[in-house]
Amino acid sequence: MGGSTGVESTEGVGSTFWFTVVMEKQEEVGTDQRICPASEELTVSPLPKKENATGIRILLTEDDPRAQKIIPKLLKNYGYQVDVAGDGKEAVEALENNDYALVLMDCMMPEMNGYEVTAAIRDQASAVRRHDIPVIALTGNASKQDRDRCIAAGMDDHLSKPLILADLLVKLGMWLINEK
């Protein structure tokens, strides 16, 4: 990451560890409401409910059990119906057996990662019901190169973790504008 590390230590007194890192500045977001899997004590955003989202079915492909609980609960408040797949193989099975409007795809999962699942979705020979389904990558990697990798793999968009509820709702609105 272009940084350095070091330690200063005095016997019997203690040690100080330090590091420097070069990071890209992220755009400021208008809200500080993050969907953070580390905490289940979240309040629902004051954003207005999106009435036309009622009944829109989304597949959340995510292996973190806390995110599996939090994200569907929050999106339900905006009218979305969210099914959860805990790994890539479950995601492919769900997409073969159910109709979804969109997939929220964790990139790093067991069994099949998000890139492999997306390849299966886009493969016209696969048994998924909808090969053109919008896929939004969910990843802890927020650099432009990571976003480009997701797009090159066939995903349609990218959100970095921890998720910001307002950003997630904007992306859903963008990709689901013609649904229901």
Foldseek 3Di string as FASTA:
>chain_A
DPKDKDKDDDPPPGMDIDMDDDDDDDDDDPDPQFQALVDPPGDADPDDAQVVQAPAEEEEEAQRPSCVPRVQVNVVSNRYHYDYHNFLVSVLVCQLPDDHQAYEAEQDGPPHGRLRSLLLLCPPPHNGPHSLRAYEYEEQDDDPVVQVVCVVSPHDYYAYPSGHVVVVVVVCCVSCVPPD
